[in-house]
Each structure stands twice: as structure tokens, then as C-alpha cells.
Amino acid sequence: MATLTIRLDEKLAKALDRLARATGRTKSEIVREALARAVAIARFRELRRRTLPFAAAQRLLTDEDAFETIF
């Protein structure tokens, strides 16, 4: 496992401490989960950006259009 050192402002550091105590999880667990979520969202947005022209060419302009075609 890799180690990453980050700097937090006081307000965020205190909020992280409170959350860790309230949930019984470590600060590292909370930060890893938040980072994993942020990376997944960024990947999804990039995939959506790259596939949007292909969907538009098929007249799949909304999520509903795609669901109707698939299901």
C-alpha cells in the first residue's frame, strides 16, 4: 500500500476527526473511500464525455432514450 501525505485546513481536519470518532472508522479509511469515490466519478464523467457523440448519432439524447432502447 502506498502512503500519501496531505495538508488539511483546520476546519476540514476537525470535521474528519469528528466523523472518524462518530463512525468508529479511521481517518485513513474515510479518506480512501472519499478518494475512490472521486476517482470513480471522474472516470464516469470522462467516459460519458467520450461516448456522448456516439449516443447522439443514435438519437440517444437522454437517459430515458437509452433505457427505452436497451429495455
C-alpha atoms as a PDB file:
ATOM      1  CA  MET A   1       0.000   0.000   0.000  1.00  0.00           C
ATOM      2  CA  ALA A   2       1.282   3.473  -0.870  1.00  0.00           C
ATOM      3  CA  THR A   3       1.455   6.391   1.554  1.00  0.00           C
ATOM      4  CA  LEU A   4       0.222   9.868   0.703  1.00  0.00           C
ATOM      5  CA  THR A   5       0.691  12.914   2.899  1.00  0.00           C
ATOM      6  CA  ILE A   6      -1.843  15.713   2.534  1.00  0.00           C
ATOM      7  CA  ARG A   7      -2.451  19.023   4.246  1.00  0.00           C
ATOM      8  CA  LEU A   8      -5.919  19.919   5.512  1.00  0.00           C
ATOM      9  CA  ASP A   9      -7.153  23.216   6.782  1.00  0.00           C
ATOM     10  CA  GLU A  10      -8.165  23.230  10.457  1.00  0.00           C
ATOM     11  CA  LYS A  11     -11.894  23.143   9.773  1.00  0.00           C
ATOM     12  CA  LEU A  12     -11.665  20.104   7.490  1.00  0.00           C
ATOM     13  CA  ALA A  13      -9.249  18.321   9.843  1.00  0.00           C
ATOM     14  CA  LYS A  14     -11.630  18.779  12.773  1.00  0.00           C
ATOM     15  CA  ALA A  15     -14.583  17.593  10.685  1.00  0.00           C
ATOM     16  CA  LEU A  16     -12.622  14.497   9.675  1.00  0.00           C
ATOM     17  CA  ASP A  17     -11.716  13.801  13.318  1.00  0.00           C
ATOM     18  CA  ARG A  18     -15.369  14.105  14.370  1.00  0.00           C
ATOM     19  CA  LEU A  19     -16.521  11.840  11.543  1.00  0.00           C
ATOM     20  CA  ALA A  20     -13.915   9.207  12.397  1.00  0.00           C
ATOM     21  CA  ARG A  21     -14.936   9.205  16.058  1.00  0.00           C
ATOM     22  CA  ALA A  22     -18.652   9.125  15.230  1.00  0.00           C
ATOM     23  CA  THR A  23     -18.354   6.234  12.784  1.00  0.00           C
ATOM     24  CA  GLY A  24     -15.632   4.247  14.533  1.00  0.00           C
ATOM     25  CA  ARG A  25     -13.535   4.279  11.370  1.00  0.00           C
ATOM     26  CA  THR A  26     -10.036   5.545  10.881  1.00  0.00           C
ATOM     27  CA  LYS A  27      -9.364   8.826   9.137  1.00  0.00           C
ATOM     28  CA  SER A  28      -7.442   6.870   6.508  1.00  0.00           C
ATOM     29  CA  GLU A  29     -10.457   4.673   5.769  1.00  0.00           C
ATOM     30  CA  ILE A  30     -12.687   7.712   5.339  1.00  0.00           C
ATOM     31  CA  VAL A  31     -10.204   9.498   3.073  1.00  0.00           C
ATOM     32  CA  ARG A  32      -9.567   6.358   0.975  1.00  0.00           C
ATOM     33  CA  GLU A  33     -13.309   5.897   0.465  1.00  0.00           C
ATOM     34  CA  ALA A  34     -13.797   9.558  -0.477  1.00  0.00           C
ATOM     35  CA  LEU A  35     -10.866   9.454  -2.904  1.00  0.00           C
ATOM     36  CA  ALA A  36     -12.076   6.221  -4.504  1.00  0.00           C
ATOM     37  CA  ARG A  37     -15.499   7.804  -4.999  1.00  0.00           C
ATOM     38  CA  ALA A  38     -13.974  10.953  -6.536  1.00  0.00           C
ATOM     39  CA  VAL A  39     -11.856   8.872  -8.935  1.00  0.00           C
ATOM     40  CA  ALA A  40     -14.870   6.764  -9.962  1.00  0.00           C
ATOM     41  CA  ILE A  41     -16.937   9.886 -10.644  1.00  0.00           C
ATOM     42  CA  ALA A  42     -14.135  11.426 -12.706  1.00  0.00           C
ATOM     43  CA  ARG A  43     -13.804   8.221 -14.749  1.00  0.00           C
ATOM     44  CA  PHE A  44     -17.566   8.081 -15.311  1.00  0.00           C
ATOM     45  CA  ARG A  45     -17.679  11.711 -16.468  1.00  0.00           C
ATOM     46  CA  GLU A  46     -14.792  11.126 -18.879  1.00  0.00           C
ATOM     47  CA  LEU A  47     -16.433   8.003 -20.290  1.00  0.00           C
ATOM     48  CA  ARG A  48     -19.719   9.843 -20.680  1.00  0.00           C
ATOM     49  CA  ARG A  49     -17.962  12.762 -22.415  1.00  0.00           C
ATOM     50  CA  ARG A  50     -16.231  10.414 -24.856  1.00  0.00           C
ATOM     51  CA  THR A  51     -19.340   8.351 -25.670  1.00  0.00           C
ATOM     52  CA  LEU A  52     -21.836  11.205 -25.919  1.00  0.00           C
ATOM     53  CA  PRO A  53     -21.177  11.862 -29.640  1.00  0.00           C
ATOM     54  CA  PHE A  54     -21.870   8.191 -30.458  1.00  0.00           C
ATOM     55  CA  ALA A  55     -25.065   8.228 -28.418  1.00  0.00           C
ATOM     56  CA  ALA A  56     -26.220  11.447 -30.081  1.00  0.00           C
ATOM     57  CA  ALA A  57     -25.620   9.900 -33.517  1.00  0.00           C
ATOM     58  CA  GLN A  58     -28.045   7.129 -32.492  1.00  0.00           C
ATOM     59  CA  ARG A  59     -30.547   9.744 -31.222  1.00  0.00           C
ATOM     60  CA  LEU A  60     -29.969   8.678 -27.647  1.00  0.00           C
ATOM     61  CA  LEU A  61     -30.114  12.172 -26.210  1.00  0.00           C
ATOM     62  CA  THR A  62     -31.388  11.424 -22.706  1.00  0.00           C
ATOM     63  CA  ASP A  63     -31.024   8.623 -20.186  1.00  0.00           C
ATOM     64  CA  GLU A  64     -34.646   7.751 -20.897  1.00  0.00           C
ATOM     65  CA  ASP A  65     -33.848   7.307 -24.600  1.00  0.00           C
ATOM     66  CA  ALA A  66     -31.081   4.875 -23.725  1.00  0.00           C
ATOM     67  CA  PHE A  67     -33.241   2.901 -21.283  1.00  0.00           C
ATOM     68  CA  GLU A  68     -36.056   2.601 -23.829  1.00  0.00           C
ATOM     69  CA  THR A  69     -33.613   1.266 -26.410  1.00  0.00           C
ATOM     70  CA  ILE A  70     -31.977  -1.194 -24.024  1.00  0.00           C
ATOM     71  CA  PHE A  71     -35.070  -2.413 -22.211  1.00  0.00           C
END
